[in-house]
């Protein structure tokens, strides 16, 4: 065997690479392990994304927006809105005495009225 071929063979055995840059031996095994590991991570990440999308799409409590029209006299304006546990309190001024209207946000139905004395 020529001397330069023997020297190249010793280098391959020592570093796990062919002098031309081709991975051989233990280096090739490590590359295979890394490739399989990255493939598993890609599959796991895709599964997580699909799971999150499915969970958000089927979660209870997601409903279409409710359009609401309050029958109030002309000149009435909304001064404030506050959320309670399961109701919206809408404070109104003008068009009569100040008042608070309680609304169910899921259905848009008026569930109560509170007149405020001056």
C-alpha atoms as a PDB file:
ATOM      1  CA  UNK A   1       0.000   0.000   0.000  1.00  0.00           C
ATOM      2  CA  UNK A   2       1.455   3.389  -0.911  1.00  0.00           C
ATOM      3  CA  UNK A   3       2.467   5.613   1.994  1.00  0.00           C
ATOM      4  CA  UNK A   4      -0.039   8.387   1.275  1.00  0.00           C
ATOM      5  CA  UNK A   5      -2.967   5.882   1.188  1.00  0.00           C
ATOM      6  CA  UNK A   6      -1.861   4.361   4.517  1.00  0.00           C
ATOM      7  CA  UNK A   7      -1.596   7.856   6.007  1.00  0.00           C
ATOM      8  CA  UNK A   8      -5.121   8.707   4.796  1.00  0.00           C
ATOM      9  CA  UNK A   9      -6.447   5.458   6.263  1.00  0.00           C
ATOM     10  CA  UNK A  10      -4.909   6.265   9.651  1.00  0.00           C
ATOM     11  CA  UNK A  11      -6.506   9.744   9.515  1.00  0.00           C
ATOM     12  CA  UNK A  12      -9.917   8.202   8.753  1.00  0.00           C
ATOM     13  CA  UNK A  13      -9.559   5.808  11.680  1.00  0.00           C
ATOM     14  CA  UNK A  14      -8.502   8.629  13.990  1.00  0.00           C
ATOM     15  CA  UNK A  15     -11.100  11.334  13.185  1.00  0.00           C
ATOM     16  CA  UNK A  16     -13.967   9.390  11.607  1.00  0.00           C
ATOM     17  CA  UNK A  17     -13.788  11.384   8.375  1.00  0.00           C
ATOM     18  CA  UNK A  18     -12.452  10.716   4.978  1.00  0.00           C
ATOM     19  CA  UNK A  19      -9.860  13.361   4.001  1.00  0.00           C
ATOM     20  CA  UNK A  20     -12.311  14.365   1.255  1.00  0.00           C
ATOM     21  CA  UNK A  21     -14.914  15.363   3.883  1.00  0.00           C
ATOM     22  CA  UNK A  22     -17.168  12.275   3.748  1.00  0.00           C
ATOM     23  CA  UNK A  23     -18.336  11.165   7.185  1.00  0.00           C
ATOM     24  CA  UNK A  24     -17.496   7.522   7.935  1.00  0.00           C
ATOM     25  CA  UNK A  25     -17.564   5.184  10.922  1.00  0.00           C
ATOM     26  CA  UNK A  26     -18.791   6.670  14.227  1.00  0.00           C
ATOM     27  CA  UNK A  27     -19.360  10.049  12.566  1.00  0.00           C
ATOM     28  CA  UNK A  28     -21.902   8.493  10.195  1.00  0.00           C
ATOM     29  CA  UNK A  29     -23.676   6.826  13.130  1.00  0.00           C
ATOM     30  CA  UNK A  30     -23.917  10.156  14.962  1.00  0.00           C
ATOM     31  CA  UNK A  31     -25.300  11.821  11.835  1.00  0.00           C
ATOM     32  CA  UNK A  32     -27.988   9.140  11.549  1.00  0.00           C
ATOM     33  CA  UNK A  33     -28.945   9.583  15.213  1.00  0.00           C
ATOM     34  CA  UNK A  34     -29.175  13.363  14.800  1.00  0.00           C
ATOM     35  CA  UNK A  35     -31.300  12.998  11.664  1.00  0.00           C
ATOM     36  CA  UNK A  36     -33.730  10.600  13.351  1.00  0.00           C
ATOM     37  CA  UNK A  37     -33.879  12.829  16.444  1.00  0.00           C
ATOM     38  CA  UNK A  38     -34.706  15.914  14.386  1.00  0.00           C
ATOM     39  CA  UNK A  39     -37.372  13.962  12.495  1.00  0.00           C
ATOM     40  CA  UNK A  40     -38.969  12.951  15.793  1.00  0.00           C
ATOM     41  CA  UNK A  41     -38.918  16.580  16.979  1.00  0.00           C
ATOM     42  CA  UNK A  42     -40.606  17.733  13.762  1.00  0.00           C
ATOM     43  CA  UNK A  43     -43.332  15.104  14.153  1.00  0.00           C
ATOM     44  CA  UNK A  44     -43.844  15.973  17.836  1.00  0.00           C
ATOM     45  CA  UNK A  45     -44.052  19.700  17.065  1.00  0.00           C
ATOM     46  CA  UNK A  46     -46.567  19.092  14.289  1.00  0.00           C
ATOM     47  CA  UNK A  47     -48.675  16.935  16.622  1.00  0.00           C
ATOM     48  CA  UNK A  48     -48.654  19.678  19.275  1.00  0.00           C
ATOM     49  CA  UNK A  49     -49.744  22.330  16.767  1.00  0.00           C
ATOM     50  CA  UNK A  50     -52.574  20.128  15.453  1.00  0.00           C
ATOM     51  CA  UNK A  51     -53.653  19.380  19.034  1.00  0.00           C
ATOM     52  CA  UNK A  52     -53.754  23.056  20.000  1.00  0.00           C
ATOM     53  CA  UNK A  53     -55.768  23.961  16.901  1.00  0.00           C
ATOM     54  CA  UNK A  54     -58.229  21.125  17.592  1.00  0.00           C
ATOM     55  CA  UNK A  55     -58.560  22.132  21.253  1.00  0.00           C
ATOM     56  CA  UNK A  56     -59.235  25.762  20.433  1.00  0.00           C
ATOM     57  CA  UNK A  57     -61.738  24.863  17.719  1.00  0.00           C
ATOM     58  CA  UNK A  58     -63.757  22.560  19.980  1.00  0.00           C
ATOM     59  CA  UNK A  59     -63.454  24.461  23.279  1.00  0.00           C
ATOM     60  CA  UNK A  60     -66.759  25.246  24.961  1.00  0.00           C
ATOM     61  CA  UNK A  61     -67.693  28.857  25.424  1.00  0.00           C
ATOM     62  CA  UNK A  62     -66.701  29.930  21.963  1.00  0.00           C
ATOM     63  CA  UNK A  63     -69.790  31.413  20.410  1.00  0.00           C
ATOM     64  CA  UNK A  64     -70.692  33.822  17.689  1.00  0.00           C
ATOM     65  CA  UNK A  65     -70.814  37.509  18.615  1.00  0.00           C
ATOM     66  CA  UNK A  66     -74.199  38.747  19.790  1.00  0.00           C
ATOM     67  CA  UNK A  67     -75.679  41.902  18.289  1.00  0.00           C
ATOM     68  CA  UNK A  68     -77.639  43.909  20.844  1.00  0.00           C
ATOM     69  CA  UNK A  69     -80.021  46.823  20.470  1.00  0.00           C
ATOM     70  CA  UNK A  70     -81.197  48.537  23.659  1.00  0.00           C
ATOM     71  CA  UNK A  71     -84.585  50.208  23.308  1.00  0.00           C
ATOM     72  CA  UNK A  72     -83.823  53.535  24.962  1.00  0.00           C
ATOM     73  CA  UNK A  73     -85.177  57.056  24.434  1.00  0.00           C
ATOM     74  CA  UNK A  74     -83.454  59.463  22.073  1.00  0.00           C
ATOM     75  CA  UNK A  75     -80.496  61.279  23.613  1.00  0.00           C
ATOM     76  CA  UNK A  76     -79.405  58.285  25.677  1.00  0.00           C
ATOM     77  CA  UNK A  77     -75.683  57.611  25.749  1.00  0.00           C
ATOM     78  CA  UNK A  78     -73.559  54.856  27.232  1.00  0.00           C
ATOM     79  CA  UNK A  79     -71.421  56.182  30.075  1.00  0.00           C
ATOM     80  CA  UNK A  80     -69.753  52.933  31.078  1.00  0.00           C
ATOM     81  CA  UNK A  81     -69.760  49.180  30.773  1.00  0.00           C
ATOM     82  CA  UNK A  82     -68.645  46.759  33.479  1.00  0.00           C
ATOM     83  CA  UNK A  83     -68.450  42.961  33.374  1.00  0.00           C
ATOM     84  CA  UNK A  84     -69.721  40.934  36.298  1.00  0.00           C
ATOM     85  CA  UNK A  85     -69.553  37.143  36.631  1.00  0.00           C
ATOM     86  CA  UNK A  86     -72.137  36.383  33.955  1.00  0.00           C
ATOM     87  CA  UNK A  87     -73.621  39.766  33.046  1.00  0.00           C
ATOM     88  CA  UNK A  88     -72.666  43.082  31.506  1.00  0.00           C
ATOM     89  CA  UNK A  89     -73.730  46.214  33.372  1.00  0.00           C
ATOM     90  CA  UNK A  90     -74.305  49.082  30.923  1.00  0.00           C
ATOM     91  CA  UNK A  91     -74.589  52.518  32.551  1.00  0.00           C
ATOM     92  CA  UNK A  92     -76.815  54.916  30.585  1.00  0.00           C
ATOM     93  CA  UNK A  93     -77.382  58.690  30.884  1.00  0.00           C
ATOM     94  CA  UNK A  94     -79.786  61.042  29.137  1.00  0.00           C
ATOM     95  CA  UNK A  95     -83.277  60.369  27.884  1.00  0.00           C
ATOM     96  CA  UNK A  96     -84.604  60.260  31.454  1.00  0.00           C
ATOM     97  CA  UNK A  97     -83.135  59.231  34.795  1.00  0.00           C
ATOM     98  CA  UNK A  98     -79.666  57.696  34.854  1.00  0.00           C
ATOM     99  CA  UNK A  99     -79.886  53.924  34.841  1.00  0.00           C
ATOM    100  CA  UNK A 100     -77.979  50.639  34.612  1.00  0.00           C
ATOM    101  CA  UNK A 101     -79.128  47.864  32.277  1.00  0.00           C
ATOM    102  CA  UNK A 102     -77.959  44.297  32.947  1.00  0.00           C
ATOM    103  CA  UNK A 103     -77.383  42.213  29.821  1.00  0.00           C
ATOM    104  CA  UNK A 104     -76.593  38.505  29.371  1.00  0.00           C
ATOM    105  CA  UNK A 105     -73.611  38.557  26.950  1.00  0.00           C
ATOM    106  CA  UNK A 106     -74.274  35.026  25.642  1.00  0.00           C
ATOM    107  CA  UNK A 107     -77.828  35.720  24.486  1.00  0.00           C
ATOM    108  CA  UNK A 108     -78.006  39.516  24.346  1.00  0.00           C
ATOM    109  CA  UNK A 109     -81.152  39.501  26.506  1.00  0.00           C
ATOM    110  CA  UNK A 110     -81.760  42.312  28.991  1.00  0.00           C
ATOM    111  CA  UNK A 111     -81.946  40.596  32.392  1.00  0.00           C
ATOM    112  CA  UNK A 112     -82.465  43.617  34.625  1.00  0.00           C
ATOM    113  CA  UNK A 113     -82.776  47.378  34.915  1.00  0.00           C
ATOM    114  CA  UNK A 114     -81.680  49.588  37.772  1.00  0.00           C
ATOM    115  CA  UNK A 115     -82.871  53.221  37.930  1.00  0.00           C
ATOM    116  CA  UNK A 116     -80.449  55.597  39.670  1.00  0.00           C
ATOM    117  CA  UNK A 117     -82.000  58.357  41.793  1.00  0.00           C
ATOM    118  CA  UNK A 118     -80.377  61.768  41.745  1.00  0.00           C
END
